[in-house]
Amino acid sequence: MRNLYLIRHGTPNFTNGEKLCIGRTNIDIGEIGIREAQNLQSFFDVKNINNIFASPLDRCVHTAKIIANGKCSVRVNKDLREIFMGHWEGVPLKDIKKNLGDEPGDGEKRVDALARMENGILNILQETSGDVICVAHAGVNCAFIAKITGKDIKTSRAIKQPCGCYNHFVVDEIQHEEQKDLVINARKRLNDIYRIEAVAIGEMPNGI
């Protein structure tokens, strides 16, 4: 049994404090985000986790490096990057008129982002042993959580995922006679190799 911690990066440093839709827009964390990452560092410090991965975007890499606190390297995995928001990218959230299930017509679909995210998590689990921390984004986190918990991916944005939160999953490798042939002869899928159960969703470290 292994623990997988999926984290949302700290609060981005929005200019003038105006919140924007920033799927792939590369904005680093600010003072609030740094404090949130420090809270995560304190929370995870006692767990002694040496496998830390991050989306390539600065807000995730910076958050992950604070959590690592120099005790291990942060490895970047491009499959953890956020959903591309198309014509919503960089637009103030207050100016985007949308319903919960809407997606930008020229952006990345949630189902495609989920497939990418699952592939990334699979590869991370395959190349490591022990517990793992992955620092990613609200959109892909929610899509992954919806899949694991059986929720509708179309409304996955409703899942609680504040900046600086963590999600805790228990991972168990499935053992069966056909597993070796499955890995060799077919395209590996996350749920073919691992059984994943959600333990905590959208939690803040130390009850903050």
Protein backbone atom coordinates (compact mmCIF):
# COMPACT_ATOMS: atom_id res chain seq x y z
CA MET A 1 0.00 0.00 0.00
CA ARG A 2 1.29 3.43 -0.96
CA ASN A 3 0.11 6.99 -0.38
CA LEU A 4 -0.41 9.42 -3.24
CA TYR A 5 -0.82 13.09 -2.34
CA LEU A 6 -2.20 15.29 -5.11
CA ILE A 7 -1.71 18.98 -4.30
CA ARG A 8 -3.00 22.18 -5.82
CA HIS A 9 -0.31 24.86 -6.10
CA GLY A 10 -0.30 27.97 -3.91
CA THR A 11 -2.23 31.13 -4.81
CA PRO A 12 -0.86 32.76 -7.99
CA ASN A 13 0.52 36.29 -7.95
CA PHE A 14 -2.26 37.96 -9.94
CA THR A 15 -1.55 41.52 -11.03
CA ASN A 16 -3.64 43.94 -8.95
CA GLY A 17 -5.19 40.92 -7.25
CA GLU A 18 -7.63 40.29 -10.13
CA LYS A 19 -8.21 36.55 -10.55
CA LEU A 20 -7.74 35.31 -14.10
CA CYS A 21 -8.47 32.04 -15.86
CA ILE A 22 -4.94 30.67 -16.17
CA GLY A 23 -4.89 27.18 -17.60
CA ARG A 24 -1.48 27.20 -19.29
CA THR A 25 -0.74 30.88 -18.55
CA ASN A 26 2.51 30.81 -16.58
CA ILE A 27 2.06 32.89 -13.41
CA ASP A 28 4.16 32.15 -10.33
CA ILE A 29 2.86 32.10 -6.75
CA GLY A 30 2.92 35.28 -4.66
CA GLU A 31 3.29 35.95 -0.92
CA ILE A 32 0.04 34.17 -0.04
CA GLY A 33 0.98 31.20 -2.20
CA ILE A 34 4.40 30.99 -0.56
CA ARG A 35 2.80 30.86 2.90
CA GLU A 36 0.41 28.15 1.69
CA ALA A 37 3.37 26.14 0.34
CA GLN A 38 5.19 26.60 3.65
CA ASN A 39 2.15 25.22 5.49
CA LEU A 40 2.26 22.20 3.18
CA GLN A 41 5.99 21.83 3.83
CA SER A 42 5.38 21.72 7.58
CA PHE A 43 2.58 19.20 7.12
CA PHE A 44 4.61 16.84 4.93
CA ASP A 45 7.96 17.28 6.67
CA VAL A 46 7.21 14.54 9.22
CA LYS A 47 6.09 12.14 6.49
CA ASN A 48 9.59 12.03 4.94
CA ILE A 49 8.44 11.68 1.32
CA ASN A 50 11.25 11.67 -1.25
CA ASN A 51 9.20 11.42 -4.46
CA ILE A 52 7.95 14.89 -5.41
CA PHE A 53 6.67 15.70 -8.91
CA ALA A 54 5.28 18.92 -10.34
CA SER A 55 3.58 20.33 -13.39
CA PRO A 56 6.11 22.32 -15.47
CA LEU A 57 4.30 25.62 -14.76
CA ASP A 58 6.12 27.93 -12.34
CA ARG A 59 3.34 28.03 -9.73
CA CYS A 60 3.62 24.27 -9.29
CA VAL A 61 7.40 23.97 -9.45
CA HIS A 62 7.81 26.78 -6.89
CA THR A 63 5.24 25.20 -4.56
CA ALA A 64 6.89 21.77 -4.90
CA LYS A 65 10.38 23.15 -4.17
CA ILE A 66 9.14 24.77 -0.97
CA ILE A 67 7.53 21.46 0.08
CA ALA A 68 10.75 19.56 -0.73
CA ASN A 69 12.73 22.06 1.40
CA GLY A 70 16.01 20.90 -0.15
CA LYS A 71 15.58 17.32 1.09
CA CYS A 72 14.97 15.88 -2.39
CA SER A 73 14.80 17.02 -5.98
CA VAL A 74 11.56 18.05 -7.67
CA ARG A 75 10.90 16.18 -10.90
CA VAL A 76 8.76 17.81 -13.59
CA ASN A 77 6.09 15.78 -15.37
CA LYS A 78 4.37 17.50 -18.30
CA ASP A 79 1.24 15.34 -17.95
CA LEU A 80 0.44 17.15 -14.67
CA ARG A 81 0.03 20.51 -16.43
CA GLU A 82 -3.29 22.32 -16.32
CA ILE A 83 -6.11 22.07 -18.85
CA PHE A 84 -5.65 24.48 -21.76
CA MET A 85 -8.52 26.97 -21.52
CA GLY A 86 -8.53 28.23 -25.11
CA HIS A 87 -10.13 31.65 -25.49
CA TRP A 88 -10.71 31.80 -21.72
CA GLU A 89 -6.95 31.93 -21.10
CA GLY A 90 -5.93 35.13 -19.31
CA VAL A 91 -9.50 36.45 -19.08
CA PRO A 92 -10.71 37.76 -15.68
CA LEU A 93 -12.93 35.12 -14.10
CA LYS A 94 -15.67 37.68 -13.50
CA ASP A 95 -15.90 38.28 -17.26
CA ILE A 96 -16.38 34.63 -18.25
CA LYS A 97 -20.05 33.75 -18.53
CA LYS A 98 -20.37 29.99 -18.19
CA ASN A 99 -22.36 27.22 -16.58
CA LEU A 100 -20.72 24.54 -14.47
CA GLY A 101 -20.43 22.01 -17.30
CA ASP A 102 -19.30 24.44 -20.02
CA GLU A 103 -15.92 24.11 -21.73
CA PRO A 104 -14.14 26.55 -24.08
CA GLY A 105 -14.70 25.48 -27.68
CA ASP A 106 -11.03 25.82 -28.62
CA GLY A 107 -9.61 24.48 -25.36
CA GLU A 108 -8.66 21.04 -24.08
CA LYS A 109 -11.59 18.78 -23.20
CA ARG A 110 -11.81 17.48 -19.63
CA VAL A 111 -11.84 13.87 -20.85
CA ASP A 112 -8.61 14.44 -22.77
CA ALA A 113 -7.00 16.14 -19.77
CA LEU A 114 -8.07 13.22 -17.58
CA ALA A 115 -6.49 10.69 -19.95
CA ARG A 116 -3.25 12.70 -19.90
CA MET A 117 -3.34 13.02 -16.11
CA GLU A 118 -3.95 9.28 -15.63
CA ASN A 119 -1.02 8.51 -17.92
CA GLY A 120 1.20 10.83 -15.90
CA ILE A 121 0.18 9.31 -12.56
CA LEU A 122 0.67 5.80 -13.96
CA ASN A 123 4.19 6.59 -15.14
CA ILE A 124 5.05 8.26 -11.83
CA LEU A 125 3.86 5.26 -9.82
CA GLN A 126 5.69 2.85 -12.14
CA GLU A 127 9.04 4.65 -11.82
CA THR A 128 8.95 5.13 -8.03
CA SER A 129 8.49 3.20 -4.82
CA GLY A 130 7.03 4.49 -1.60
CA ASP A 131 4.78 7.51 -1.13
CA VAL A 132 4.46 10.24 -3.77
CA ILE A 133 3.56 13.93 -3.86
CA CYS A 134 2.31 15.47 -7.12
CA VAL A 135 1.77 19.24 -7.34
CA ALA A 136 -0.71 20.11 -10.07
CA HIS A 137 -3.77 22.27 -10.78
CA ALA A 138 -7.45 22.56 -9.93
CA GLY A 139 -8.78 21.49 -13.33
CA VAL A 140 -6.79 18.29 -13.78
CA ASN A 141 -7.03 17.48 -10.08
CA CYS A 142 -10.83 17.71 -10.20
CA ALA A 143 -11.02 15.55 -13.33
CA PHE A 144 -8.84 12.89 -11.66
CA ILE A 145 -10.80 13.04 -8.40
CA ALA A 146 -14.08 12.68 -10.29
CA LYS A 147 -12.78 9.52 -11.96
CA ILE A 148 -11.54 7.99 -8.71
CA THR A 149 -14.70 8.84 -6.73
CA GLY A 150 -17.22 8.03 -9.48
CA LYS A 151 -18.46 11.60 -9.95
CA ASP A 152 -19.54 13.09 -13.29
CA ILE A 153 -16.50 14.61 -15.00
CA LYS A 154 -18.75 17.17 -16.74
CA THR A 155 -19.35 18.90 -13.40
CA SER A 156 -15.97 18.12 -11.83
CA ARG A 157 -15.21 21.83 -11.34
CA ALA A 158 -17.63 21.72 -8.37
CA ILE A 159 -15.19 19.55 -6.41
CA LYS A 160 -13.53 21.51 -3.58
CA GLN A 161 -9.97 22.36 -4.58
CA PRO A 162 -8.66 25.56 -2.93
CA CYS A 163 -5.12 26.79 -3.54
CA GLY A 164 -2.66 25.07 -1.21
CA CYS A 165 -4.89 22.06 -0.55
CA TYR A 166 -4.01 18.38 -0.71
CA ASN A 167 -5.88 15.24 -1.74
CA HIS A 168 -4.88 11.91 -0.21
CA PHE A 169 -5.24 8.58 -2.03
CA VAL A 170 -4.25 5.08 -1.01
CA VAL A 171 -2.75 3.07 -3.87
CA ASP A 172 -2.66 -0.71 -4.03
CA GLU A 173 -1.11 -2.68 -6.87
CA ILE A 174 -3.51 -5.19 -8.38
CA GLN A 175 -2.10 -8.69 -8.40
CA HIS A 176 -3.55 -11.18 -10.85
CA GLU A 177 -2.28 -13.87 -13.19
CA GLU A 178 -2.85 -11.88 -16.36
CA GLN A 179 -1.02 -8.76 -15.17
CA LYS A 180 2.34 -9.61 -16.77
CA ASP A 181 0.74 -10.26 -20.17
CA LEU A 182 -1.37 -7.13 -19.82
CA VAL A 183 1.69 -4.95 -19.28
CA ILE A 184 3.64 -6.56 -22.10
CA ASN A 185 0.95 -6.93 -24.76
CA ALA A 186 -1.41 -4.00 -24.22
CA ARG A 187 -1.33 -0.29 -23.58
CA LYS A 188 -1.10 0.08 -19.82
CA ARG A 189 -3.96 1.89 -18.07
CA LEU A 190 -3.90 3.19 -14.53
CA ASN A 191 -6.91 1.21 -13.30
CA ASP A 192 -5.53 -2.01 -14.85
CA ILE A 193 -2.44 -1.84 -12.64
CA TYR A 194 -3.54 0.01 -9.51
CA ARG A 195 -6.53 0.21 -7.21
CA ILE A 196 -6.84 3.79 -5.93
CA GLU A 197 -9.08 4.90 -3.09
CA ALA A 198 -9.71 8.49 -1.99
CA VAL A 199 -9.05 9.19 1.69
CA ALA A 200 -9.27 13.00 1.82
CA ILE A 201 -10.30 15.57 -0.78
CA GLY A 202 -9.55 19.30 -0.77
CA GLU A 203 -8.03 19.37 2.73
CA MET A 204 -5.86 22.21 4.03
CA PRO A 205 -2.70 21.29 5.97
CA ASN A 206 -2.94 21.44 9.77
CA GLY A 207 -6.63 22.27 9.56
CA ILE A 208 -5.93 25.80 8.28
